[in-house]
Each structure stands twice: as structure tokens, then as C-alpha cells.
N, C-alpha and C. Protein backbone atom coordinates (compact mmCIF):
# COMPACT_ATOMS: atom_id res chain seq x y z
N MET A 1 -194.83 -9.72 7.45
CA MET A 1 -195.35 -8.52 7.86
C MET A 1 -195.44 -8.06 8.82
N ALA A 2 -195.50 -8.93 9.88
CA ALA A 2 -195.49 -8.69 11.26
C ALA A 2 -194.08 -8.05 11.49
N GLU A 3 -193.18 -8.53 11.07
CA GLU A 3 -191.39 -8.00 11.44
C GLU A 3 -191.64 -6.73 10.90
N GLU A 4 -192.13 -6.57 9.77
CA GLU A 4 -192.03 -5.17 9.01
C GLU A 4 -192.64 -4.35 10.14
N ASN A 5 -193.73 -4.56 10.57
CA ASN A 5 -194.50 -3.52 11.43
C ASN A 5 -193.86 -3.30 12.62
N LEU A 6 -193.02 -4.42 13.36
CA LEU A 6 -192.37 -4.21 14.48
C LEU A 6 -191.08 -3.32 14.15
N TYR A 7 -190.47 -3.49 12.78
CA TYR A 7 -189.37 -2.75 12.32
C TYR A 7 -190.09 -1.01 12.63
N LYS A 8 -190.87 -0.73 11.91
CA LYS A 8 -191.54 0.60 11.71
C LYS A 8 -191.86 1.01 13.10
N ALA A 9 -192.49 0.07 14.01
CA ALA A 9 -192.62 0.84 15.32
C ALA A 9 -191.72 1.24 15.88
N SER A 10 -190.29 0.27 15.95
CA SER A 10 -189.41 0.38 16.73
C SER A 10 -188.48 1.76 16.15
N LEU A 11 -188.49 2.00 14.96
CA LEU A 11 -187.93 2.96 14.10
C LEU A 11 -188.66 4.19 14.63
N SER A 12 -189.91 4.47 15.06
CA SER A 12 -190.75 5.64 15.30
C SER A 12 -190.59 5.76 17.05
N LYS A 13 -190.65 4.33 17.74
CA LYS A 13 -190.17 4.75 18.93
C LYS A 13 -188.67 5.04 19.39
N ALA A 14 -187.72 4.38 18.79
CA ALA A 14 -186.37 4.92 18.73
C ALA A 14 -186.21 6.46 18.50
N MET A 15 -186.86 7.06 17.29
CA MET A 15 -186.79 8.35 16.94
C MET A 15 -187.38 9.03 18.26
N ALA A 16 -188.55 8.77 18.70
CA ALA A 16 -189.13 9.50 19.67
C ALA A 16 -188.25 9.53 21.00
N LEU A 17 -187.42 8.45 21.37
CA LEU A 17 -186.58 8.57 22.48
C LEU A 17 -185.46 9.38 21.93
N CYS A 18 -184.80 9.33 20.89
CA CYS A 18 -183.50 9.91 20.71
C CYS A 18 -183.91 11.57 20.41
N SER A 19 -185.28 12.24 20.29
CA SER A 19 -185.43 13.33 20.06
C SER A 19 -185.64 14.10 21.52
N ARG A 20 -185.85 13.07 22.83
CA ARG A 20 -185.93 13.55 24.10
C ARG A 20 -184.42 13.92 24.63
N ARG A 21 -183.68 12.94 24.44
CA ARG A 21 -182.26 13.44 24.89
C ARG A 21 -181.22 12.46 23.96
N GLU A 22 -179.83 12.69 24.52
CA GLU A 22 -178.83 12.19 23.77
C GLU A 22 -178.81 10.66 23.96
N TYR A 23 -178.55 9.64 23.20
CA TYR A 23 -178.33 8.36 23.42
C TYR A 23 -176.96 8.23 22.84
N CYS A 24 -176.49 6.79 22.83
CA CYS A 24 -175.28 6.32 22.25
C CYS A 24 -175.64 5.24 21.46
N LEU A 25 -174.87 5.03 20.53
CA LEU A 25 -175.22 3.81 19.44
C LEU A 25 -175.44 2.28 20.60
N GLU A 26 -174.82 2.50 21.66
CA GLU A 26 -174.84 1.01 22.53
C GLU A 26 -176.04 1.04 22.88
N ASP A 27 -176.46 2.22 23.70
CA ASP A 27 -177.80 2.39 24.23
C ASP A 27 -179.07 2.00 23.61
N ILE A 28 -179.20 2.54 22.27
CA ILE A 28 -180.15 2.37 21.15
C ILE A 28 -180.34 0.81 20.63
N ARG A 29 -178.80 0.16 20.34
CA ARG A 29 -178.75 -1.31 20.39
C ARG A 29 -179.32 -1.98 21.08
N LEU A 30 -179.08 -1.84 22.48
CA LEU A 30 -179.74 -2.40 23.79
C LEU A 30 -181.14 -2.33 23.70
N LYS A 31 -181.79 -1.28 23.60
CA LYS A 31 -183.07 -0.63 23.54
C LYS A 31 -183.89 -1.89 22.45
N LEU A 32 -183.23 -1.56 21.31
CA LEU A 32 -183.92 -2.26 20.33
C LEU A 32 -184.05 -3.99 20.51
N GLU A 33 -182.67 -4.66 20.84
CA GLU A 33 -182.80 -5.94 21.44
C GLU A 33 -183.48 -6.28 22.27
N SER A 34 -184.08 -5.34 23.42
CA SER A 34 -185.11 -5.55 24.48
C SER A 34 -186.43 -5.63 23.79
N TRP A 35 -186.78 -4.93 22.73
CA TRP A 35 -187.84 -4.88 22.07
C TRP A 35 -188.07 -6.04 21.11
N GLY A 36 -186.88 -7.01 21.41
CA GLY A 36 -187.26 -8.18 20.32
C GLY A 36 -187.01 -7.98 18.63
N VAL A 37 -186.38 -6.87 18.13
CA VAL A 37 -185.81 -6.45 17.15
C VAL A 37 -185.06 -7.15 16.66
N SER A 38 -185.00 -7.86 15.29
CA SER A 38 -183.78 -8.52 14.86
C SER A 38 -182.58 -7.56 14.61
N GLU A 39 -181.44 -8.37 14.21
CA GLU A 39 -180.07 -7.82 14.06
C GLU A 39 -180.06 -7.06 13.09
N ASP A 40 -180.89 -7.54 11.85
CA ASP A 40 -180.69 -7.10 10.50
C ASP A 40 -181.59 -5.54 10.93
N ASP A 41 -182.69 -5.58 11.23
CA ASP A 41 -183.86 -4.56 11.33
C ASP A 41 -183.29 -3.25 12.16
N ALA A 42 -182.31 -3.80 13.37
CA ALA A 42 -181.56 -2.86 14.21
C ALA A 42 -180.68 -2.45 13.60
N GLY A 43 -179.93 -2.89 12.60
CA GLY A 43 -179.01 -2.16 11.88
C GLY A 43 -179.37 -1.18 11.10
N ARG A 44 -180.53 -1.45 10.37
CA ARG A 44 -181.54 -0.61 9.67
C ARG A 44 -181.91 0.60 10.54
N VAL A 45 -182.33 0.24 11.48
CA VAL A 45 -182.66 1.56 12.27
C VAL A 45 -181.81 2.64 12.64
N ILE A 46 -180.81 1.83 13.22
CA ILE A 46 -179.64 2.65 13.69
C ILE A 46 -179.01 3.62 12.65
N GLY A 47 -179.18 3.01 11.40
CA GLY A 47 -178.29 3.58 10.24
C GLY A 47 -179.52 4.73 9.79
N ILE A 48 -180.64 4.59 9.97
CA ILE A 48 -181.38 5.70 9.74
C ILE A 48 -181.22 6.71 10.72
N LEU A 49 -181.30 6.34 12.13
CA LEU A 49 -181.12 7.24 13.24
C LEU A 49 -179.82 7.80 12.85
N ILE A 50 -178.85 7.68 12.34
CA ILE A 50 -177.54 8.18 12.05
C ILE A 50 -177.51 9.14 10.93
N LYS A 51 -178.31 8.62 10.19
CA LYS A 51 -178.52 9.56 8.65
C LYS A 51 -179.51 10.69 9.03
N GLU A 52 -180.32 10.51 9.94
CA GLU A 52 -181.35 11.70 10.16
C GLU A 52 -180.55 12.45 11.25
N ASN A 53 -179.60 12.30 11.88
CA ASN A 53 -178.86 12.84 13.06
C ASN A 53 -179.46 12.72 14.11
N PHE A 54 -180.40 11.79 14.53
CA PHE A 54 -180.85 11.63 15.80
C PHE A 54 -179.78 10.63 16.73
N LEU A 55 -178.91 10.12 16.03
CA LEU A 55 -177.92 9.76 16.96
C LEU A 55 -176.35 10.01 16.51
N ASN A 56 -175.74 10.74 17.32
CA ASN A 56 -174.24 11.28 17.04
C ASN A 56 -173.24 10.92 18.20
N GLU A 57 -172.53 9.87 17.78
CA GLU A 57 -171.50 9.71 19.00
C GLU A 57 -170.55 10.86 19.37
N ASN A 58 -170.05 12.13 18.73
CA ASN A 58 -169.65 12.85 19.06
C ASN A 58 -170.33 14.05 19.99
N ARG A 59 -171.82 14.33 19.33
CA ARG A 59 -172.40 15.08 20.30
C ARG A 59 -172.87 14.39 21.67
N TYR A 60 -173.04 13.15 21.40
CA TYR A 60 -173.46 12.23 22.76
C TYR A 60 -171.93 12.31 23.51
N ALA A 61 -170.77 11.87 23.31
CA ALA A 61 -169.86 12.23 24.08
C ALA A 61 -169.52 13.42 24.65
N GLU A 62 -169.90 14.56 23.88
CA GLU A 62 -169.26 15.91 24.51
C GLU A 62 -170.56 16.08 25.67
N ALA A 63 -171.70 15.88 25.45
CA ALA A 63 -172.90 16.14 26.52
C ALA A 63 -172.51 15.19 27.71
N PHE A 64 -172.16 14.20 27.66
CA PHE A 64 -171.70 13.43 28.94
C PHE A 64 -171.04 13.97 29.54
N VAL A 65 -169.79 14.26 28.79
CA VAL A 65 -168.36 14.73 29.70
C VAL A 65 -168.91 16.02 30.39
N LYS A 66 -169.52 16.81 29.80
CA LYS A 66 -170.01 18.19 30.17
C LYS A 66 -170.95 17.86 31.55
N ASP A 67 -171.66 17.06 31.18
CA ASP A 67 -172.56 16.47 32.60
C ASP A 67 -172.09 16.07 33.48
N LYS A 68 -171.14 15.02 33.39
CA LYS A 68 -170.47 14.43 34.55
C LYS A 68 -169.37 15.34 35.13
N PHE A 69 -168.90 15.82 34.54
CA PHE A 69 -167.70 17.12 35.21
C PHE A 69 -168.60 18.21 35.69
N ASN A 70 -169.43 18.89 35.37
CA ASN A 70 -170.14 19.71 35.71
C ASN A 70 -170.88 19.43 37.22
N TYR A 71 -171.83 18.66 36.73
CA TYR A 71 -172.85 18.10 37.96
C TYR A 71 -172.48 17.38 38.81
N ASN A 72 -171.73 15.95 38.35
CA ASN A 72 -171.23 15.01 39.33
C ASN A 72 -169.91 15.04 39.74
N LYS A 73 -169.02 16.08 39.40
CA LYS A 73 -167.83 16.53 39.51
C LYS A 73 -166.84 15.33 39.33
N TRP A 74 -167.12 14.34 38.32
CA TRP A 74 -166.17 13.76 37.89
C TRP A 74 -164.90 13.81 37.20
N GLY A 75 -163.84 13.23 37.00
CA GLY A 75 -162.60 13.36 36.91
C GLY A 75 -162.61 12.63 35.32
N LYS A 76 -161.59 13.12 34.66
CA LYS A 76 -161.37 12.70 33.33
C LYS A 76 -161.18 10.97 33.18
N VAL A 77 -160.66 10.27 34.06
CA VAL A 77 -160.49 8.77 34.44
C VAL A 77 -161.50 8.16 34.32
N LYS A 78 -162.58 8.56 35.26
CA LYS A 78 -163.84 7.95 35.45
C LYS A 78 -164.79 8.11 34.26
N ILE A 79 -164.96 9.43 33.60
CA ILE A 79 -165.58 9.83 32.67
C ILE A 79 -165.02 8.88 31.36
N ALA A 80 -163.75 8.69 31.35
CA ALA A 80 -163.47 7.93 29.88
C ALA A 80 -163.83 6.57 30.00
N ALA A 81 -163.83 6.07 31.50
CA ALA A 81 -164.00 4.68 31.67
C ALA A 81 -165.60 4.33 31.61
N HIS A 82 -166.25 5.25 31.50
CA HIS A 82 -167.64 5.00 31.72
C HIS A 82 -167.97 5.13 29.99
N LEU A 83 -167.41 6.06 29.43
CA LEU A 83 -167.61 6.11 27.84
C LEU A 83 -167.06 4.89 27.18
N LYS A 84 -165.90 4.31 27.79
CA LYS A 84 -165.81 2.91 26.98
C LYS A 84 -166.48 2.04 27.13
N MET A 85 -166.90 1.68 28.40
CA MET A 85 -168.38 0.70 28.65
C MET A 85 -169.54 0.82 27.84
N LYS A 86 -169.86 2.29 27.03
CA LYS A 86 -170.96 2.62 26.22
C LYS A 86 -170.14 2.34 24.63
N LYS A 87 -168.98 1.88 24.56
CA LYS A 87 -168.38 1.54 23.32
C LYS A 87 -168.10 2.66 22.45
N ILE A 88 -168.00 3.74 23.07
CA ILE A 88 -167.68 5.30 22.22
C ILE A 88 -165.97 4.76 21.76
N PRO A 89 -165.87 5.29 20.63
CA PRO A 89 -164.69 5.11 20.16
C PRO A 89 -163.49 6.06 20.67
N VAL A 90 -162.08 5.57 21.20
CA VAL A 90 -161.37 6.42 21.29
C VAL A 90 -160.88 7.96 21.47
N GLY A 91 -160.81 7.89 19.97
CA GLY A 91 -160.69 9.40 19.53
C GLY A 91 -161.78 10.20 19.95
N ILE A 92 -163.23 9.97 19.68
CA ILE A 92 -164.17 10.71 20.13
C ILE A 92 -164.06 10.91 21.88
N VAL A 93 -163.61 10.11 22.56
CA VAL A 93 -163.59 9.96 23.85
C VAL A 93 -162.86 11.40 24.26
N ARG A 94 -161.17 10.92 23.47
CA ARG A 94 -160.11 12.13 24.02
C ARG A 94 -160.79 13.38 23.14
N SER A 95 -161.25 13.27 21.91
CA SER A 95 -162.03 14.97 21.61
C SER A 95 -162.71 15.39 22.46
N ALA A 96 -163.57 14.89 23.12
CA ALA A 96 -164.67 14.96 24.39
C ALA A 96 -164.05 15.66 25.43
N LEU A 97 -162.90 15.02 26.24
CA LEU A 97 -162.58 15.10 27.22
C LEU A 97 -161.44 16.18 27.15
N GLY A 98 -160.98 16.55 25.86
CA GLY A 98 -160.31 17.59 25.57
C GLY A 98 -161.12 18.92 25.68
N SER A 99 -162.27 18.89 25.67
CA SER A 99 -163.35 20.04 25.77
C SER A 99 -163.21 20.53 27.29
N ILE A 100 -162.78 19.81 28.45
CA ILE A 100 -162.76 20.27 29.44
C ILE A 100 -161.50 21.34 29.69
N ASP A 101 -161.84 22.73 30.23
CA ASP A 101 -160.82 23.84 30.60
C ASP A 101 -159.76 23.11 31.70
N ASP A 102 -158.64 23.21 31.34
CA ASP A 102 -157.71 22.48 32.27
C ASP A 102 -157.80 23.36 33.74
N GLU A 103 -157.81 24.84 33.56
CA GLU A 103 -157.85 25.51 34.74
C GLU A 103 -159.13 25.35 35.50
N LEU A 104 -159.93 25.12 35.25
CA LEU A 104 -161.20 24.88 35.54
C LEU A 104 -161.16 23.64 36.23
N TYR A 105 -160.69 22.51 35.61
CA TYR A 105 -160.76 20.86 36.05
C TYR A 105 -159.73 21.17 37.49
N ARG A 106 -158.50 21.90 37.35
CA ARG A 106 -157.92 21.98 38.51
C ARG A 106 -158.23 22.74 39.57
N ARG A 107 -159.32 23.41 39.35
CA ARG A 107 -159.72 24.29 40.51
C ARG A 107 -161.03 23.63 40.92
N THR A 108 -161.80 22.74 40.16
CA THR A 108 -162.75 22.09 40.41
C THR A 108 -162.37 20.89 41.37
N LEU A 109 -160.91 20.37 41.02
CA LEU A 109 -160.46 19.26 41.78
C LEU A 109 -160.04 19.74 43.36
N GLY A 110 -159.38 20.89 43.05
CA GLY A 110 -159.10 21.64 44.69
C GLY A 110 -160.19 21.68 45.69
N ASP A 111 -161.63 22.50 44.83
CA ASP A 111 -162.40 22.77 45.75
C ASP A 111 -163.11 21.26 46.43
N LEU A 112 -163.17 20.13 45.61
CA LEU A 112 -163.37 19.15 46.18
C LEU A 112 -162.61 18.77 47.08
N ILE A 113 -161.38 18.96 47.05
CA ILE A 113 -160.46 18.04 48.25
C ILE A 113 -160.76 19.04 49.44
N VAL A 114 -160.56 20.31 49.20
CA VAL A 114 -160.72 21.19 50.31
C VAL A 114 -161.96 20.73 51.10
N SER A 115 -163.20 20.67 50.42
CA SER A 115 -164.66 20.63 51.01
C SER A 115 -164.47 19.02 51.87
N HIS A 116 -163.95 17.97 51.01
CA HIS A 116 -163.74 16.77 51.81
C HIS A 116 -163.07 16.80 52.46
N ARG A 117 -161.90 17.58 52.73
CA ARG A 117 -161.06 17.54 54.01
C ARG A 117 -162.01 18.47 55.43
N ARG A 118 -162.73 19.07 55.09
CA ARG A 118 -163.28 19.02 56.30
C ARG A 118 -164.04 18.36 57.09
N SER A 119 -164.62 17.34 56.48
CA SER A 119 -165.30 16.43 56.97
C SER A 119 -164.32 14.81 57.26
N VAL A 120 -163.18 14.96 56.92
CA VAL A 120 -162.69 13.77 57.29
C VAL A 120 -161.70 13.81 58.68
N LYS A 121 -161.93 12.66 59.36
CA LYS A 121 -161.23 12.53 60.59
C LYS A 121 -160.11 11.69 60.41
N SER A 122 -158.89 12.21 60.60
CA SER A 122 -157.55 11.42 60.36
C SER A 122 -156.92 11.42 61.80
N LYS A 123 -155.85 10.59 61.99
CA LYS A 123 -155.12 10.39 63.14
C LYS A 123 -153.82 11.37 62.87
N ASN A 124 -153.25 11.43 61.93
CA ASN A 124 -152.13 12.46 61.15
C ASN A 124 -152.14 12.75 59.82
N GLN A 125 -150.87 13.33 59.64
CA GLN A 125 -151.01 13.86 58.06
C GLN A 125 -151.02 13.01 57.03
N TYR A 126 -150.11 11.62 57.18
CA TYR A 126 -150.00 10.70 56.38
C TYR A 126 -151.65 10.24 56.13
N ASP A 127 -152.35 9.96 57.24
CA ASP A 127 -153.74 9.59 56.99
C ASP A 127 -154.40 10.22 56.23
N LEU A 128 -154.60 11.63 56.66
CA LEU A 128 -155.17 12.33 55.85
C LEU A 128 -155.19 12.43 54.44
N LYS A 129 -153.57 12.54 54.04
CA LYS A 129 -153.30 12.42 52.85
C LYS A 129 -153.71 11.23 52.04
N GLY A 130 -153.81 10.25 52.72
CA GLY A 130 -154.16 8.95 52.18
C GLY A 130 -155.67 8.81 51.80
N LYS A 131 -156.33 9.42 52.78
CA LYS A 131 -157.95 9.81 52.79
C LYS A 131 -158.42 10.46 51.46
N LEU A 132 -157.52 11.45 51.53
CA LEU A 132 -157.69 12.45 50.27
C LEU A 132 -157.49 12.00 49.09
N LEU A 133 -156.46 11.06 48.93
CA LEU A 133 -156.04 10.57 47.86
C LEU A 133 -157.01 9.51 47.66
N ARG A 134 -157.45 9.11 48.26
CA ARG A 134 -158.42 7.68 47.50
C ARG A 134 -159.88 8.30 47.16
N TYR A 135 -160.11 9.37 47.84
CA TYR A 135 -161.47 9.92 47.49
C TYR A 135 -161.37 10.70 46.22
N GLY A 136 -160.24 11.43 45.80
CA GLY A 136 -159.91 12.02 44.66
C GLY A 136 -159.94 10.73 43.51
N LEU A 137 -159.11 10.03 43.89
CA LEU A 137 -159.35 8.64 42.87
C LEU A 137 -160.68 8.06 42.55
N SER A 138 -161.25 8.02 43.42
CA SER A 138 -162.72 7.63 43.42
C SER A 138 -163.76 7.96 42.57
N LYS A 139 -163.41 9.45 42.62
CA LYS A 139 -163.90 10.51 41.68
C LYS A 139 -163.48 10.50 40.12
N GLY A 140 -162.46 9.67 40.17
CA GLY A 140 -161.75 9.51 38.57
C GLY A 140 -160.89 10.79 38.28
N PHE A 141 -160.01 11.31 38.96
CA PHE A 141 -159.04 12.18 38.66
C PHE A 141 -157.66 11.62 38.81
N GLU A 142 -156.56 12.17 38.07
CA GLU A 142 -155.73 11.43 37.97
C GLU A 142 -154.88 11.58 39.04
N SER A 143 -154.06 10.47 39.25
CA SER A 143 -153.16 10.32 40.59
C SER A 143 -152.17 11.75 40.75
N GLN A 144 -151.28 12.11 39.71
CA GLN A 144 -150.39 12.96 39.67
C GLN A 144 -150.93 14.27 40.08
N LEU A 145 -151.92 14.81 39.48
CA LEU A 145 -152.65 15.97 39.59
C LEU A 145 -153.27 15.69 41.16
N LEU A 146 -153.93 14.64 41.59
CA LEU A 146 -154.15 14.59 43.23
C LEU A 146 -153.05 14.80 44.05
N TYR A 147 -151.91 14.28 43.71
CA TYR A 147 -150.67 14.44 44.70
C TYR A 147 -150.29 15.83 44.63
N ASP A 148 -150.36 16.61 43.67
CA ASP A 148 -149.95 17.61 43.70
C ASP A 148 -150.72 19.04 44.49
N ILE A 149 -151.97 18.57 44.27
CA ILE A 149 -153.07 19.43 44.79
C ILE A 149 -152.90 19.21 46.27
N ILE A 150 -153.07 17.72 46.98
CA ILE A 150 -153.06 17.41 47.99
C ILE A 150 -151.75 17.89 48.67
N THR A 151 -150.91 17.93 48.27
CA THR A 151 -149.62 18.41 48.74
C THR A 151 -149.41 19.80 49.14
N ARG A 152 -150.14 20.42 48.02
CA ARG A 152 -150.36 22.00 48.26
C ARG A 152 -151.41 22.27 49.39
N ILE A 153 -152.33 21.61 49.42
CA ILE A 153 -153.48 21.87 50.55
C ILE A 153 -152.91 21.26 51.84
N VAL A 154 -152.58 20.29 51.96
CA VAL A 154 -152.46 19.72 53.41
C VAL A 154 -151.05 20.40 53.90
């Protein structure tokens, strides 16, 4: 009886969480585990959340990509790595990353590099390019794209 009450309470709590913002399956699985819900009950809760459309991996991945690109100015490599850590399937990650406009992506990277260049102190061109490249890589942008843009700018 107590386990059934825990199941019902965790289901309603999970529904309330998912109605406020997007979560992926892994986030909810970890929350249910931290609440002391058994694996079987967690599976039932997640099944209901998916059936009732509270959880949707595609929707989560698209929202994650949009937010991290627009607000954090992350590149596709970093976004994909974070989605992989959340155990989002590769096909869904590829599809979500495909929603980023290529022209906007290149423009955003160019703006980031130009902006960072103003604050970088370097001894020579080689040092400057290295620092800009490391910065772009830390933001998760592809190395070939970075080479092209840095060569054009510097």
C-alpha cells in the first residue's frame, strides 16, 4: 500500500515538473531514483509521462539546441556532447542540430571571434590565432569552420 502511494505521489510530482519545463527521460529517471521510487514503478511513471506527452525526447532536444545556441552561443559539438550525456538517441540529436540555420551559425561564430579578439592580448599573429582557436573550440564549434573564419578575420 505504501509503495502504491509513493507511485501515485511520484507520478503527480513528475507530471507537475514536466508541465513547467522540458525534461528528458534521463532527468526524470534520476529524479524518480532520488525520490526512492523502484525501477518498475519508475518505468510505469515514465511510460505514462510519454503516453500523456509530458515527456518527448524530440521536443526536449529541439528546445535544448535552440536555448544553448541562442543564449549560451554554444557550437554543435558542445551541444551534441551534452545531449549525449543525457542519453538522447543520436538520430534525435542530429535532427535537432539540423534545425540550426547554417548562415546564422557561421555569423554567430564570426561575431563571437571578433568580440573575443578585442579582449585578447597576444605577442604575434600565431599566438592570436591559437588563442582564438582555443576559445572557439571551448565554445563547441567545429575546427574547420573556426580555421576558415579566423583566417578571414585575422
